[in-house]
């Protein structure tokens, strides 16, 4: 599926710092730097560290990398959200426009992508999939400029594993029945592999062991090479997994709002 190109403005190097030296301040600086680098060098990606696992499920051997930002849980703040709208091709995907000043830039706006229609309590919220510089005249960029939120990735894996444990997704249950025994990959719906084929590493969200047609959720292993956004688009989940993810994200947002009220 061809990606939909989005016109973006260049993000300034000037960053609005929270408390100097704080984890949130360092995360904001790192995020802004990554967004700036994304616009200058659209094809350049910082490698995600790989992790070795015993009894690793079989996957294709191909290096994959992406830009990502990690931050400890931010307190809820008053988001300067000027506009929120759904993607015309992906009504489940929402763009929240944060106007400056933010933790990312003192001058330029940025889009926070989310599966929730309401604005996140913070631009660095775990409910934010990642960030794109806001649109502007004369400057073009696309999905290569997406910077993923590592905190969202952790929530994604938590949600999928719980959904598999509770058996709420019929597609994954059917896949386990077909697999019967062995490792089953959880594929991103944006690029489903052909029947009996293994997908690309950056489209494999995780793998899980199946025995006698039953998913062993405790064996869930995230795929280190997985990317939230590729040229095929942003993460797409099957119905049951998507519903569980929204539930978990809504719970996290409530938690972040509570942290901001203390």
C-alpha atoms as a PDB file:
ATOM      1  CA  UNK A   1       0.000   0.000   0.000  1.00  0.00           C
ATOM      2  CA  UNK A   2       1.484   3.281  -1.057  1.00  0.00           C
ATOM      3  CA  UNK A   3       2.032   5.727   1.775  1.00  0.00           C
ATOM      4  CA  UNK A   4       0.133   9.003   1.796  1.00  0.00           C
ATOM      5  CA  UNK A   5       2.627  11.865   1.605  1.00  0.00           C
ATOM      6  CA  UNK A   6       2.222  14.651   4.148  1.00  0.00           C
ATOM      7  CA  UNK A   7       3.641  18.141   3.608  1.00  0.00           C
ATOM      8  CA  UNK A   8       5.739  19.132   6.608  1.00  0.00           C
ATOM      9  CA  UNK A   9       7.624  22.195   7.748  1.00  0.00           C
ATOM     10  CA  UNK A  10      11.194  22.124   9.041  1.00  0.00           C
ATOM     11  CA  UNK A  11      11.424  21.801  12.800  1.00  0.00           C
ATOM     12  CA  UNK A  12      13.613  24.385  14.542  1.00  0.00           C
ATOM     13  CA  UNK A  13      16.589  23.412  16.653  1.00  0.00           C
ATOM     14  CA  UNK A  14      15.356  25.641  19.477  1.00  0.00           C
ATOM     15  CA  UNK A  15      13.857  23.502  22.242  1.00  0.00           C
ATOM     16  CA  UNK A  16      11.744  24.596  25.180  1.00  0.00           C
ATOM     17  CA  UNK A  17      13.297  22.872  28.196  1.00  0.00           C
ATOM     18  CA  UNK A  18      11.329  21.679  31.237  1.00  0.00           C
ATOM     19  CA  UNK A  19      13.276  21.397  34.498  1.00  0.00           C
ATOM     20  CA  UNK A  20      16.981  21.412  33.512  1.00  0.00           C
ATOM     21  CA  UNK A  21      18.568  17.997  33.796  1.00  0.00           C
ATOM     22  CA  UNK A  22      15.272  16.190  34.371  1.00  0.00           C
ATOM     23  CA  UNK A  23      14.384  12.975  32.548  1.00  0.00           C
ATOM     24  CA  UNK A  24      11.533  14.748  30.787  1.00  0.00           C
ATOM     25  CA  UNK A  25      13.835  17.570  29.708  1.00  0.00           C
ATOM     26  CA  UNK A  26      16.373  15.136  28.259  1.00  0.00           C
ATOM     27  CA  UNK A  27      13.595  13.223  26.486  1.00  0.00           C
ATOM     28  CA  UNK A  28      12.204  16.441  25.006  1.00  0.00           C
ATOM     29  CA  UNK A  29      15.610  17.492  23.713  1.00  0.00           C
ATOM     30  CA  UNK A  30      16.195  14.029  22.238  1.00  0.00           C
ATOM     31  CA  UNK A  31      12.772  14.040  20.584  1.00  0.00           C
ATOM     32  CA  UNK A  32      13.245  17.458  19.009  1.00  0.00           C
ATOM     33  CA  UNK A  33      16.707  16.506  17.784  1.00  0.00           C
ATOM     34  CA  UNK A  34      15.348  13.325  16.225  1.00  0.00           C
ATOM     35  CA  UNK A  35      12.567  15.206  14.462  1.00  0.00           C
ATOM     36  CA  UNK A  36      15.051  17.748  13.127  1.00  0.00           C
ATOM     37  CA  UNK A  37      17.342  14.964  11.907  1.00  0.00           C
ATOM     38  CA  UNK A  38      14.371  13.227  10.306  1.00  0.00           C
ATOM     39  CA  UNK A  39      13.670  16.236   8.146  1.00  0.00           C
ATOM     40  CA  UNK A  40      17.291  16.815   7.187  1.00  0.00           C
ATOM     41  CA  UNK A  41      18.073  13.180   6.471  1.00  0.00           C
ATOM     42  CA  UNK A  42      14.791  11.341   5.707  1.00  0.00           C
ATOM     43  CA  UNK A  43      16.541   8.050   4.881  1.00  0.00           C
ATOM     44  CA  UNK A  44      18.801   7.992   7.951  1.00  0.00           C
ATOM     45  CA  UNK A  45      17.668   5.906  10.880  1.00  0.00           C
ATOM     46  CA  UNK A  46      19.289   5.287  14.244  1.00  0.00           C
ATOM     47  CA  UNK A  47      19.566   1.603  14.994  1.00  0.00           C
ATOM     48  CA  UNK A  48      17.468   0.075  17.698  1.00  0.00           C
ATOM     49  CA  UNK A  49      19.580  -2.176  19.951  1.00  0.00           C
ATOM     50  CA  UNK A  50      18.919  -5.839  19.382  1.00  0.00           C
ATOM     51  CA  UNK A  51      18.140  -8.285  22.160  1.00  0.00           C
ATOM     52  CA  UNK A  52      18.921 -11.978  22.165  1.00  0.00           C
ATOM     53  CA  UNK A  53      16.351 -14.475  23.433  1.00  0.00           C
ATOM     54  CA  UNK A  54      16.681 -18.159  24.149  1.00  0.00           C
ATOM     55  CA  UNK A  55      14.405 -20.388  22.090  1.00  0.00           C
ATOM     56  CA  UNK A  56      13.950 -17.562  19.601  1.00  0.00           C
ATOM     57  CA  UNK A  57      11.198 -18.180  17.018  1.00  0.00           C
ATOM     58  CA  UNK A  58      12.344 -18.404  13.391  1.00  0.00           C
ATOM     59  CA  UNK A  59      12.392 -15.046  11.607  1.00  0.00           C
ATOM     60  CA  UNK A  60      14.045 -13.819   8.425  1.00  0.00           C
ATOM     61  CA  UNK A  61      17.560 -12.489   8.878  1.00  0.00           C
ATOM     62  CA  UNK A  62      17.416  -8.865   7.806  1.00  0.00           C
ATOM     63  CA  UNK A  63      18.626  -5.778   9.642  1.00  0.00           C
ATOM     64  CA  UNK A  64      15.957  -3.245  10.520  1.00  0.00           C
ATOM     65  CA  UNK A  65      16.095   0.030  12.401  1.00  0.00           C
ATOM     66  CA  UNK A  66      14.049   3.066  13.319  1.00  0.00           C
ATOM     67  CA  UNK A  67      14.133   6.288  15.286  1.00  0.00           C
ATOM     68  CA  UNK A  68      12.527   6.095  18.690  1.00  0.00           C
ATOM     69  CA  UNK A  69      12.276   8.168  21.839  1.00  0.00           C
ATOM     70  CA  UNK A  70      12.147   6.831  25.372  1.00  0.00           C
ATOM     71  CA  UNK A  71      10.942   8.815  28.362  1.00  0.00           C
ATOM     72  CA  UNK A  72       9.779   8.106  31.892  1.00  0.00           C
ATOM     73  CA  UNK A  73       6.085   8.723  32.517  1.00  0.00           C
ATOM     74  CA  UNK A  74       5.466  12.463  32.116  1.00  0.00           C
ATOM     75  CA  UNK A  75       3.060  14.317  34.354  1.00  0.00           C
ATOM     76  CA  UNK A  76      -0.051  15.570  32.654  1.00  0.00           C
ATOM     77  CA  UNK A  77       0.208  19.145  31.453  1.00  0.00           C
ATOM     78  CA  UNK A  78      -2.117  21.584  29.734  1.00  0.00           C
ATOM     79  CA  UNK A  79      -1.648  20.557  26.102  1.00  0.00           C
ATOM     80  CA  UNK A  80      -1.646  23.413  23.634  1.00  0.00           C
ATOM     81  CA  UNK A  81      -3.656  21.394  21.117  1.00  0.00           C
ATOM     82  CA  UNK A  82      -4.951  23.643  18.353  1.00  0.00           C
ATOM     83  CA  UNK A  83      -6.654  20.959  16.301  1.00  0.00           C
ATOM     84  CA  UNK A  84      -7.446  17.244  16.280  1.00  0.00           C
ATOM     85  CA  UNK A  85      -8.656  15.252  13.298  1.00  0.00           C
ATOM     86  CA  UNK A  86      -8.874  11.693  12.021  1.00  0.00           C
ATOM     87  CA  UNK A  87      -6.893  10.452   9.052  1.00  0.00           C
ATOM     88  CA  UNK A  88      -9.269  10.353   6.052  1.00  0.00           C
ATOM     89  CA  UNK A  89      -7.909   6.927   5.046  1.00  0.00           C
ATOM     90  CA  UNK A  90      -7.528   5.597   8.609  1.00  0.00           C
ATOM     91  CA  UNK A  91     -10.438   6.797  10.796  1.00  0.00           C
ATOM     92  CA  UNK A  92      -8.901   4.966  13.761  1.00  0.00           C
ATOM     93  CA  UNK A  93      -5.761   7.125  13.501  1.00  0.00           C
ATOM     94  CA  UNK A  94      -5.877  10.645  14.930  1.00  0.00           C
ATOM     95  CA  UNK A  95      -3.584  13.643  14.525  1.00  0.00           C
ATOM     96  CA  UNK A  96      -3.303  16.082  17.444  1.00  0.00           C
ATOM     97  CA  UNK A  97      -1.622  19.360  16.542  1.00  0.00           C
ATOM     98  CA  UNK A  98       0.450  20.806  19.383  1.00  0.00           C
ATOM     99  CA  UNK A  99       1.305  24.467  18.970  1.00  0.00           C
ATOM    100  CA  UNK A 100       4.450  26.007  20.470  1.00  0.00           C
ATOM    101  CA  UNK A 101       5.804  26.294  22.987  1.00  0.00           C
ATOM    102  CA  UNK A 102       5.917  22.574  23.837  1.00  0.00           C
ATOM    103  CA  UNK A 103       8.496  20.224  25.315  1.00  0.00           C
ATOM    104  CA  UNK A 104       9.640  19.609  21.733  1.00  0.00           C
ATOM    105  CA  UNK A 105       9.939  23.088  20.285  1.00  0.00           C
ATOM    106  CA  UNK A 106       9.663  26.712  21.373  1.00  0.00           C
ATOM    107  CA  UNK A 107       8.681  27.852  17.869  1.00  0.00           C
ATOM    108  CA  UNK A 108       7.233  25.148  15.653  1.00  0.00           C
ATOM    109  CA  UNK A 109       4.126  22.930  15.849  1.00  0.00           C
ATOM    110  CA  UNK A 110       4.173  19.156  15.789  1.00  0.00           C
ATOM    111  CA  UNK A 111       1.598  16.410  15.254  1.00  0.00           C
ATOM    112  CA  UNK A 112       1.175  13.719  17.910  1.00  0.00           C
ATOM    113  CA  UNK A 113      -0.348  10.562  16.366  1.00  0.00           C
ATOM    114  CA  UNK A 114      -2.718   8.506  18.490  1.00  0.00           C
ATOM    115  CA  UNK A 115      -5.435   5.871  18.344  1.00  0.00           C
ATOM    116  CA  UNK A 116      -7.480   7.991  20.764  1.00  0.00           C
ATOM    117  CA  UNK A 117      -9.639  10.849  19.425  1.00  0.00           C
ATOM    118  CA  UNK A 118      -9.109  13.078  22.462  1.00  0.00           C
ATOM    119  CA  UNK A 119      -5.836  15.023  22.874  1.00  0.00           C
ATOM    120  CA  UNK A 120      -3.229  13.315  25.076  1.00  0.00           C
ATOM    121  CA  UNK A 121      -2.499  14.820  28.518  1.00  0.00           C
ATOM    122  CA  UNK A 122       1.093  15.425  27.420  1.00  0.00           C
ATOM    123  CA  UNK A 123       2.889  15.525  24.101  1.00  0.00           C
ATOM    124  CA  UNK A 124       5.135  12.782  25.535  1.00  0.00           C
ATOM    125  CA  UNK A 125       2.195  10.660  26.740  1.00  0.00           C
ATOM    126  CA  UNK A 126       2.432   6.889  26.384  1.00  0.00           C
ATOM    127  CA  UNK A 127      -0.785   7.109  24.331  1.00  0.00           C
ATOM    128  CA  UNK A 128       1.128   8.906  21.555  1.00  0.00           C
ATOM    129  CA  UNK A 129       2.296   6.534  18.815  1.00  0.00           C
ATOM    130  CA  UNK A 130       4.901   9.015  17.625  1.00  0.00           C
ATOM    131  CA  UNK A 131       5.448  12.473  16.190  1.00  0.00           C
ATOM    132  CA  UNK A 132       5.488  14.249  12.827  1.00  0.00           C
ATOM    133  CA  UNK A 133       6.469  17.880  12.205  1.00  0.00           C
ATOM    134  CA  UNK A 134       3.397  19.931  11.309  1.00  0.00           C
ATOM    135  CA  UNK A 135       2.538  20.880   7.738  1.00  0.00           C
ATOM    136  CA  UNK A 136       3.800  24.000   6.067  1.00  0.00           C
ATOM    137  CA  UNK A 137       4.325  25.519   2.653  1.00  0.00           C
ATOM    138  CA  UNK A 138       7.106  24.511   0.313  1.00  0.00           C
ATOM    139  CA  UNK A 139       8.564  21.698   2.380  1.00  0.00           C
ATOM    140  CA  UNK A 140       7.775  18.071   1.654  1.00  0.00           C
ATOM    141  CA  UNK A 141       8.343  14.957   3.719  1.00  0.00           C
ATOM    142  CA  UNK A 142       6.604  11.674   4.380  1.00  0.00           C
ATOM    143  CA  UNK A 143       6.399   8.703   6.697  1.00  0.00           C
ATOM    144  CA  UNK A 144      10.203   8.440   6.831  1.00  0.00           C
ATOM    145  CA  UNK A 145      10.059  11.507   9.081  1.00  0.00           C
ATOM    146  CA  UNK A 146       7.964   9.726  11.707  1.00  0.00           C
ATOM    147  CA  UNK A 147       9.652   9.403  15.117  1.00  0.00           C
ATOM    148  CA  UNK A 148       8.214   6.615  17.245  1.00  0.00           C
ATOM    149  CA  UNK A 149       7.461   6.780  20.946  1.00  0.00           C
ATOM    150  CA  UNK A 150       9.163   3.905  22.740  1.00  0.00           C
ATOM    151  CA  UNK A 151       6.779   4.250  25.685  1.00  0.00           C
ATOM    152  CA  UNK A 152       3.851   3.549  23.350  1.00  0.00           C
ATOM    153  CA  UNK A 153       5.662   0.486  22.006  1.00  0.00           C
ATOM    154  CA  UNK A 154       5.863  -0.929  25.539  1.00  0.00           C
ATOM    155  CA  UNK A 155       2.120  -0.365  26.031  1.00  0.00           C
ATOM    156  CA  UNK A 156       1.424  -2.013  22.667  1.00  0.00           C
ATOM    157  CA  UNK A 157       3.212  -5.213  23.684  1.00  0.00           C
ATOM    158  CA  UNK A 158       1.471  -5.210  27.068  1.00  0.00           C
ATOM    159  CA  UNK A 159      -1.933  -4.872  25.400  1.00  0.00           C
ATOM    160  CA  UNK A 160      -1.326  -7.572  22.794  1.00  0.00           C
ATOM    161  CA  UNK A 161      -0.014 -10.061  25.333  1.00  0.00           C
ATOM    162  CA  UNK A 162      -3.032  -9.515  27.588  1.00  0.00           C
ATOM    163  CA  UNK A 163      -5.369  -9.910  24.601  1.00  0.00           C
ATOM    164  CA  UNK A 164      -3.717 -13.206  23.685  1.00  0.00           C
ATOM    165  CA  UNK A 165      -3.942 -14.366  27.291  1.00  0.00           C
ATOM    166  CA  UNK A 166      -7.667 -13.570  27.412  1.00  0.00           C
ATOM    167  CA  UNK A 167      -8.362 -14.990  23.942  1.00  0.00           C
ATOM    168  CA  UNK A 168     -10.213 -11.900  22.702  1.00  0.00           C
ATOM    169  CA  UNK A 169      -8.960 -11.944  19.098  1.00  0.00           C
ATOM    170  CA  UNK A 170     -10.542 -14.501  16.786  1.00  0.00           C
ATOM    171  CA  UNK A 171      -7.919 -14.053  14.061  1.00  0.00           C
ATOM    172  CA  UNK A 172      -5.057 -14.972  16.383  1.00  0.00           C
ATOM    173  CA  UNK A 173      -7.034 -17.906  17.817  1.00  0.00           C
ATOM    174  CA  UNK A 174      -7.647 -19.204  14.297  1.00  0.00           C
ATOM    175  CA  UNK A 175      -3.964 -18.790  13.512  1.00  0.00           C
ATOM    176  CA  UNK A 176      -3.051 -20.840  16.569  1.00  0.00           C
ATOM    177  CA  UNK A 177      -5.429 -23.596  15.490  1.00  0.00           C
ATOM    178  CA  UNK A 178      -3.793 -23.677  12.075  1.00  0.00           C
ATOM    179  CA  UNK A 179      -0.270 -23.601  13.530  1.00  0.00           C
ATOM    180  CA  UNK A 180      -1.150 -26.318  16.077  1.00  0.00           C
ATOM    181  CA  UNK A 181       2.406 -26.445  17.467  1.00  0.00           C
ATOM    182  CA  UNK A 182       5.398 -24.151  17.123  1.00  0.00           C
ATOM    183  CA  UNK A 183       6.028 -20.423  16.975  1.00  0.00           C
ATOM    184  CA  UNK A 184       3.318 -18.132  15.629  1.00  0.00           C
ATOM    185  CA  UNK A 185       4.115 -14.597  14.510  1.00  0.00           C
ATOM    186  CA  UNK A 186       1.829 -11.655  15.262  1.00  0.00           C
ATOM    187  CA  UNK A 187       1.911  -9.691  12.008  1.00  0.00           C
ATOM    188  CA  UNK A 188       1.118  -6.034  11.468  1.00  0.00           C
ATOM    189  CA  UNK A 189      -2.001  -5.786   9.307  1.00  0.00           C
ATOM    190  CA  UNK A 190      -0.488  -3.124   7.044  1.00  0.00           C
ATOM    191  CA  UNK A 191       1.522  -5.782   5.178  1.00  0.00           C
ATOM    192  CA  UNK A 192       0.146  -9.305   5.602  1.00  0.00           C
ATOM    193  CA  UNK A 193       2.484 -11.980   4.191  1.00  0.00           C
ATOM    194  CA  UNK A 194       1.304 -14.540   1.664  1.00  0.00           C
ATOM    195  CA  UNK A 195      -0.114 -17.803   2.982  1.00  0.00           C
ATOM    196  CA  UNK A 196       2.514 -20.019   4.622  1.00  0.00           C
ATOM    197  CA  UNK A 197       5.102 -17.239   4.342  1.00  0.00           C
ATOM    198  CA  UNK A 198       6.920 -15.292   7.059  1.00  0.00           C
ATOM    199  CA  UNK A 199       6.541 -11.516   6.925  1.00  0.00           C
ATOM    200  CA  UNK A 200       9.253  -8.888   6.925  1.00  0.00           C
ATOM    201  CA  UNK A 201      10.975  -8.416  10.315  1.00  0.00           C
ATOM    202  CA  UNK A 202       9.773  -4.812  10.597  1.00  0.00           C
ATOM    203  CA  UNK A 203       6.178  -6.042  10.137  1.00  0.00           C
ATOM    204  CA  UNK A 204       6.360  -8.791  12.781  1.00  0.00           C
ATOM    205  CA  UNK A 205       5.171  -7.307  16.068  1.00  0.00           C
ATOM    206  CA  UNK A 206       5.982 -10.329  18.202  1.00  0.00           C
ATOM    207  CA  UNK A 207       6.013 -14.117  18.331  1.00  0.00           C
ATOM    208  CA  UNK A 208       4.303 -16.540  20.675  1.00  0.00           C
ATOM    209  CA  UNK A 209       4.492 -20.278  21.268  1.00  0.00           C
ATOM    210  CA  UNK A 210       1.537 -22.485  20.324  1.00  0.00           C
ATOM    211  CA  UNK A 211       0.925 -25.981  21.685  1.00  0.00           C
ATOM    212  CA  UNK A 212      -2.037 -28.173  20.726  1.00  0.00           C
ATOM    213  CA  UNK A 213      -3.587 -25.185  18.980  1.00  0.00           C
ATOM    214  CA  UNK A 214      -3.508 -23.047  22.121  1.00  0.00           C
ATOM    215  CA  UNK A 215      -1.555 -19.803  22.507  1.00  0.00           C
ATOM    216  CA  UNK A 216       0.879 -19.746  25.420  1.00  0.00           C
ATOM    217  CA  UNK A 217       0.742 -16.025  26.195  1.00  0.00           C
ATOM    218  CA  UNK A 218       3.562 -16.249  28.729  1.00  0.00           C
ATOM    219  CA  UNK A 219       5.972 -17.082  25.876  1.00  0.00           C
ATOM    220  CA  UNK A 220       5.244 -13.754  24.138  1.00  0.00           C
ATOM    221  CA  UNK A 221       8.433 -12.273  22.669  1.00  0.00           C
ATOM    222  CA  UNK A 222       8.521  -8.789  21.089  1.00  0.00           C
ATOM    223  CA  UNK A 223      10.300  -8.546  17.749  1.00  0.00           C
ATOM    224  CA  UNK A 224      13.245  -6.124  18.186  1.00  0.00           C
ATOM    225  CA  UNK A 225      13.199  -5.163  14.487  1.00  0.00           C
ATOM    226  CA  UNK A 226       9.509  -4.222  14.458  1.00  0.00           C
ATOM    227  CA  UNK A 227       8.691  -0.653  13.392  1.00  0.00           C
ATOM    228  CA  UNK A 228       5.515   1.238  14.258  1.00  0.00           C
ATOM    229  CA  UNK A 229       5.604   3.047  10.931  1.00  0.00           C
ATOM    230  CA  UNK A 230       6.986   1.952   7.558  1.00  0.00           C
ATOM    231  CA  UNK A 231       6.406   2.927   3.934  1.00  0.00           C
ATOM    232  CA  UNK A 232       3.228   0.808   4.168  1.00  0.00           C
ATOM    233  CA  UNK A 233       1.829   3.044   6.876  1.00  0.00           C
ATOM    234  CA  UNK A 234       1.255   3.134  10.624  1.00  0.00           C
ATOM    235  CA  UNK A 235       0.512   0.095  12.798  1.00  0.00           C
ATOM    236  CA  UNK A 236      -2.683  -1.832  11.985  1.00  0.00           C
ATOM    237  CA  UNK A 237      -4.077  -4.493  14.315  1.00  0.00           C
ATOM    238  CA  UNK A 238      -6.786  -7.108  14.024  1.00  0.00           C
ATOM    239  CA  UNK A 239     -10.107  -6.182  15.630  1.00  0.00           C
ATOM    240  CA  UNK A 240      -9.634  -7.887  18.985  1.00  0.00           C
ATOM    241  CA  UNK A 241      -6.076  -6.646  19.473  1.00  0.00           C
ATOM    242  CA  UNK A 242      -7.024  -3.106  18.420  1.00  0.00           C
ATOM    243  CA  UNK A 243      -9.916  -2.983  20.891  1.00  0.00           C
ATOM    244  CA  UNK A 244      -7.712  -4.164  23.751  1.00  0.00           C
ATOM    245  CA  UNK A 245      -5.024  -1.616  22.840  1.00  0.00           C
ATOM    246  CA  UNK A 246      -7.565   1.218  23.005  1.00  0.00           C
ATOM    247  CA  UNK A 247      -8.716  -0.018  26.427  1.00  0.00           C
ATOM    248  CA  UNK A 248      -5.156  -0.038  27.757  1.00  0.00           C
ATOM    249  CA  UNK A 249      -4.370   3.373  26.243  1.00  0.00           C
ATOM    250  CA  UNK A 250      -7.472   4.914  27.811  1.00  0.00           C
ATOM    251  CA  UNK A 251      -6.430   3.514  31.190  1.00  0.00           C
ATOM    252  CA  UNK A 252      -2.932   4.958  30.798  1.00  0.00           C
ATOM    253  CA  UNK A 253      -4.326   8.387  29.917  1.00  0.00           C
ATOM    254  CA  UNK A 254      -6.463   8.376  33.075  1.00  0.00           C
ATOM    255  CA  UNK A 255      -3.375   7.430  35.061  1.00  0.00           C
ATOM    256  CA  UNK A 256      -1.347  10.255  33.518  1.00  0.00           C
ATOM    257  CA  UNK A 257      -4.129  12.753  34.245  1.00  0.00           C
ATOM    258  CA  UNK A 258      -4.070  11.581  37.856  1.00  0.00           C
ATOM    259  CA  UNK A 259      -0.320  12.054  38.083  1.00  0.00           C
ATOM    260  CA  UNK A 260      -0.706  15.608  36.840  1.00  0.00           C
ATOM    261  CA  UNK A 261      -3.264  16.402  39.530  1.00  0.00           C
ATOM    262  CA  UNK A 262      -0.990  15.456  42.411  1.00  0.00           C
END
